[in-house]
Amino acid sequence: MTKCPKCGQPAVLIDPCPRCSYVKPRDFLLAMMPVGGVCAEIGVWRGNFSKRILSVTQPSKLYLIDPWMFQPSFGDSAFGGTVVKNQTEMDRMHADVADAFRGDGRVEIIRATSEAALDVFADGFLDWVYIDGNHH
């Protein structure tokens, strides 16, 4: 049980706040996903939402797909210069995510673009995919 960020009322993270009906962004999606499924997250960044996926949906397997590639051609994006400034910072972010999930057999990290990672999966292999990759 935590406090609602909108009104301060104690609230369960995936339930609407009993006082103001606030639902933590994206948690309403997780509440609709099957428990124990095989899923993927495209666009992992620092892995914060990946942890929510594991906590809420308890997947049997979670594939984390992200190239962790600095792309200055997207200079108005977090991965192109507004947050990270070079490939070294992206490599550090990837290493931090790998460390955070090391030892969790449910998690497999695929450092690739979503297009390249597509070849890893047969049609119908995944139960669901959360797509939060390149926003351009």
C-alpha atoms as a PDB file:
ATOM      1  CA  MET A   1       0.000   0.000   0.000  1.00  0.00           C
ATOM      2  CA  THR A   2       1.348   3.411  -0.976  1.00  0.00           C
ATOM      3  CA  LYS A   3      -0.070   6.910  -1.062  1.00  0.00           C
ATOM      4  CA  CYS A   4      -1.902   8.263  -4.079  1.00  0.00           C
ATOM      5  CA  PRO A   5       0.351  10.857  -5.753  1.00  0.00           C
ATOM      6  CA  LYS A   6      -2.688  12.986  -6.545  1.00  0.00           C
ATOM      7  CA  CYS A   7      -4.548  13.181  -3.203  1.00  0.00           C
ATOM      8  CA  GLY A   8      -2.301  11.427  -0.659  1.00  0.00           C
ATOM      9  CA  GLN A   9      -4.900   8.762   0.218  1.00  0.00           C
ATOM     10  CA  PRO A  10      -3.455   5.269   0.879  1.00  0.00           C
ATOM     11  CA  ALA A  11      -4.012   3.256  -2.306  1.00  0.00           C
ATOM     12  CA  VAL A  12      -2.941   0.023  -3.975  1.00  0.00           C
ATOM     13  CA  LEU A  13      -0.791   0.879  -7.000  1.00  0.00           C
ATOM     14  CA  ILE A  14      -2.857  -0.947  -9.627  1.00  0.00           C
ATOM     15  CA  ASP A  15      -6.284  -0.016  -8.240  1.00  0.00           C
ATOM     16  CA  PRO A  16      -7.989   3.337  -8.715  1.00  0.00           C
ATOM     17  CA  CYS A  17      -7.602   5.570  -5.674  1.00  0.00           C
ATOM     18  CA  PRO A  18     -10.769   5.232  -3.573  1.00  0.00           C
ATOM     19  CA  ARG A  19     -10.842   8.987  -3.007  1.00  0.00           C
ATOM     20  CA  CYS A  20     -10.022  10.534  -6.397  1.00  0.00           C
ATOM     21  CA  SER A  21      -9.991   7.545  -8.839  1.00  0.00           C
ATOM     22  CA  TYR A  22      -6.364   8.207  -9.856  1.00  0.00           C
ATOM     23  CA  VAL A  23      -4.642   5.227 -11.489  1.00  0.00           C
ATOM     24  CA  LYS A  24      -0.870   5.220 -11.832  1.00  0.00           C
ATOM     25  CA  PRO A  25      -0.065   5.739 -15.517  1.00  0.00           C
ATOM     26  CA  ARG A  26       0.348   2.472 -17.424  1.00  0.00           C
ATOM     27  CA  ASP A  27      -0.673   0.299 -14.462  1.00  0.00           C
ATOM     28  CA  PHE A  28      -4.191   0.072 -15.881  1.00  0.00           C
ATOM     29  CA  LEU A  29      -2.628  -1.722 -18.865  1.00  0.00           C
ATOM     30  CA  LEU A  30      -0.754  -4.182 -16.686  1.00  0.00           C
ATOM     31  CA  ALA A  31      -3.921  -4.990 -14.778  1.00  0.00           C
ATOM     32  CA  MET A  32      -5.434  -6.245 -18.060  1.00  0.00           C
ATOM     33  CA  MET A  33      -2.501  -8.503 -18.998  1.00  0.00           C
ATOM     34  CA  PRO A  34      -2.520 -12.223 -18.255  1.00  0.00           C
ATOM     35  CA  VAL A  35      -0.603 -13.378 -15.200  1.00  0.00           C
ATOM     36  CA  GLY A  36       2.173 -15.839 -15.937  1.00  0.00           C
ATOM     37  CA  GLY A  37       2.419 -15.067 -19.655  1.00  0.00           C
ATOM     38  CA  VAL A  38       5.348 -14.757 -22.010  1.00  0.00           C
ATOM     39  CA  CYS A  39       5.837 -11.102 -22.829  1.00  0.00           C
ATOM     40  CA  ALA A  40       8.237  -8.504 -24.147  1.00  0.00           C
ATOM     41  CA  GLU A  41       8.933  -4.871 -23.492  1.00  0.00           C
ATOM     42  CA  ILE A  42      10.269  -2.881 -26.425  1.00  0.00           C
ATOM     43  CA  GLY A  43      12.039   0.234 -25.218  1.00  0.00           C
ATOM     44  CA  VAL A  44      13.424  -0.600 -21.783  1.00  0.00           C
ATOM     45  CA  TRP A  45      15.556   2.488 -21.056  1.00  0.00           C
ATOM     46  CA  ARG A  46      16.485   2.102 -17.348  1.00  0.00           C
ATOM     47  CA  GLY A  47      14.219  -0.877 -16.640  1.00  0.00           C
ATOM     48  CA  ASN A  48      11.855   0.815 -14.209  1.00  0.00           C
ATOM     49  CA  PHE A  49       8.687  -0.275 -16.001  1.00  0.00           C
ATOM     50  CA  SER A  50      10.228  -3.718 -16.537  1.00  0.00           C
ATOM     51  CA  LYS A  51      10.209  -4.107 -12.753  1.00  0.00           C
ATOM     52  CA  ARG A  52       6.516  -3.154 -12.685  1.00  0.00           C
ATOM     53  CA  ILE A  53       5.762  -5.730 -15.379  1.00  0.00           C
ATOM     54  CA  LEU A  54       7.464  -8.427 -13.293  1.00  0.00           C
ATOM     55  CA  SER A  55       5.719  -7.354 -10.112  1.00  0.00           C
ATOM     56  CA  VAL A  56       2.201  -7.011 -11.475  1.00  0.00           C
ATOM     57  CA  THR A  57       1.933  -9.681 -14.186  1.00  0.00           C
ATOM     58  CA  GLN A  58       4.409 -12.266 -12.817  1.00  0.00           C
ATOM     59  CA  PRO A  59       5.370 -13.428 -16.330  1.00  0.00           C
ATOM     60  CA  SER A  60       6.960 -16.808 -16.892  1.00  0.00           C
ATOM     61  CA  LYS A  61       9.310 -15.014 -19.308  1.00  0.00           C
ATOM     62  CA  LEU A  62       9.966 -11.324 -19.985  1.00  0.00           C
ATOM     63  CA  TYR A  63      12.087 -10.270 -22.934  1.00  0.00           C
ATOM     64  CA  LEU A  64      13.614  -6.811 -22.571  1.00  0.00           C
ATOM     65  CA  ILE A  65      14.372  -5.388 -26.009  1.00  0.00           C
ATOM     66  CA  ASP A  66      16.342  -2.172 -26.462  1.00  0.00           C
ATOM     67  CA  PRO A  67      19.393  -1.241 -28.546  1.00  0.00           C
ATOM     68  CA  TRP A  68      20.752   1.127 -25.876  1.00  0.00           C
ATOM     69  CA  MET A  69      22.182   3.046 -28.809  1.00  0.00           C
ATOM     70  CA  PHE A  70      23.023   6.740 -28.774  1.00  0.00           C
ATOM     71  CA  GLN A  71      21.400   8.291 -31.843  1.00  0.00           C
ATOM     72  CA  PRO A  72      22.340  11.945 -32.324  1.00  0.00           C
ATOM     73  CA  SER A  73      20.141  12.056 -35.435  1.00  0.00           C
ATOM     74  CA  PHE A  74      17.267  12.119 -32.917  1.00  0.00           C
ATOM     75  CA  GLY A  75      18.724  15.091 -31.040  1.00  0.00           C
ATOM     76  CA  ASP A  76      15.374  16.057 -29.522  1.00  0.00           C
ATOM     77  CA  SER A  77      15.040  12.673 -27.798  1.00  0.00           C
ATOM     78  CA  ALA A  78      16.400  11.241 -24.550  1.00  0.00           C
ATOM     79  CA  PHE A  79      18.546   8.721 -26.454  1.00  0.00           C
ATOM     80  CA  GLY A  80      19.762  11.375 -28.901  1.00  0.00           C
ATOM     81  CA  GLY A  81      21.102  14.045 -26.608  1.00  0.00           C
ATOM     82  CA  THR A  82      18.483  15.548 -24.288  1.00  0.00           C
ATOM     83  CA  VAL A  83      19.296  13.053 -21.498  1.00  0.00           C
ATOM     84  CA  VAL A  84      22.245  10.896 -22.527  1.00  0.00           C
ATOM     85  CA  LYS A  85      25.106  12.572 -24.340  1.00  0.00           C
ATOM     86  CA  ASN A  86      27.061   9.669 -25.858  1.00  0.00           C
ATOM     87  CA  GLN A  87      27.302   5.916 -26.427  1.00  0.00           C
ATOM     88  CA  THR A  88      29.309   5.439 -23.235  1.00  0.00           C
ATOM     89  CA  GLU A  89      26.301   6.599 -21.209  1.00  0.00           C
ATOM     90  CA  MET A  90      24.018   4.223 -23.136  1.00  0.00           C
ATOM     91  CA  ASP A  91      26.425   1.351 -22.498  1.00  0.00           C
ATOM     92  CA  ARG A  92      26.371   2.187 -18.777  1.00  0.00           C
ATOM     93  CA  MET A  93      22.565   2.197 -18.815  1.00  0.00           C
ATOM     94  CA  HIS A  94      22.535  -1.232 -20.475  1.00  0.00           C
ATOM     95  CA  ALA A  95      25.005  -2.546 -17.883  1.00  0.00           C
ATOM     96  CA  ASP A  96      22.842  -1.181 -15.052  1.00  0.00           C
ATOM     97  CA  VAL A  97      19.752  -2.918 -16.466  1.00  0.00           C
ATOM     98  CA  ALA A  98      21.692  -6.165 -16.888  1.00  0.00           C
ATOM     99  CA  ASP A  99      22.850  -5.903 -13.260  1.00  0.00           C
ATOM    100  CA  ALA A 100      19.331  -5.168 -12.016  1.00  0.00           C
ATOM    101  CA  PHE A 101      17.904  -8.354 -13.569  1.00  0.00           C
ATOM    102  CA  ARG A 102      20.919 -10.639 -13.215  1.00  0.00           C
ATOM    103  CA  GLY A 103      19.884 -13.894 -11.616  1.00  0.00           C
ATOM    104  CA  ASP A 104      16.207 -13.575 -12.541  1.00  0.00           C
ATOM    105  CA  GLY A 105      15.669 -16.498 -14.896  1.00  0.00           C
ATOM    106  CA  ARG A 106      12.415 -15.010 -16.116  1.00  0.00           C
ATOM    107  CA  VAL A 107      14.231 -12.114 -17.786  1.00  0.00           C
ATOM    108  CA  GLU A 108      16.159 -12.203 -21.043  1.00  0.00           C
ATOM    109  CA  ILE A 109      17.768  -9.026 -22.333  1.00  0.00           C
ATOM    110  CA  ILE A 110      18.030  -8.566 -26.079  1.00  0.00           C
ATOM    111  CA  ARG A 111      20.242  -5.651 -27.038  1.00  0.00           C
ATOM    112  CA  ALA A 112      18.894  -4.928 -30.491  1.00  0.00           C
ATOM    113  CA  THR A 113      16.393  -2.782 -32.299  1.00  0.00           C
ATOM    114  CA  SER A 114      12.857  -4.138 -32.271  1.00  0.00           C
ATOM    115  CA  GLU A 115      13.167  -4.851 -35.991  1.00  0.00           C
ATOM    116  CA  ALA A 116      16.304  -6.959 -35.481  1.00  0.00           C
ATOM    117  CA  ALA A 117      14.814  -8.715 -32.436  1.00  0.00           C
ATOM    118  CA  LEU A 118      11.748  -9.732 -34.426  1.00  0.00           C
ATOM    119  CA  ASP A 119      13.664 -12.688 -35.879  1.00  0.00           C
ATOM    120  CA  VAL A 120      14.063 -14.175 -32.375  1.00  0.00           C
ATOM    121  CA  PHE A 121      10.347 -14.910 -32.010  1.00  0.00           C
ATOM    122  CA  ALA A 122       8.095 -17.253 -33.960  1.00  0.00           C
ATOM    123  CA  ASP A 123       4.632 -15.949 -34.834  1.00  0.00           C
ATOM    124  CA  GLY A 124       2.309 -16.294 -31.848  1.00  0.00           C
ATOM    125  CA  PHE A 125       5.174 -16.962 -29.400  1.00  0.00           C
ATOM    126  CA  LEU A 126       4.486 -13.932 -27.195  1.00  0.00           C
ATOM    127  CA  ASP A 127       1.273 -13.482 -25.222  1.00  0.00           C
ATOM    128  CA  TRP A 128       1.665  -9.707 -25.221  1.00  0.00           C
ATOM    129  CA  VAL A 129       4.128  -6.920 -25.964  1.00  0.00           C
ATOM    130  CA  TYR A 130       4.451  -3.487 -24.385  1.00  0.00           C
ATOM    131  CA  ILE A 131       5.837  -1.100 -27.009  1.00  0.00           C
ATOM    132  CA  ASP A 132       7.525   2.051 -25.754  1.00  0.00           C
ATOM    133  CA  GLY A 133      10.444   2.353 -28.160  1.00  0.00           C
ATOM    134  CA  ASN A 134      11.506   5.206 -30.405  1.00  0.00           C
ATOM    135  CA  HIS A 135       8.741   7.779 -30.044  1.00  0.00           C
ATOM    136  CA  HIS A 136       9.435   9.308 -33.427  1.00  0.00           C
END
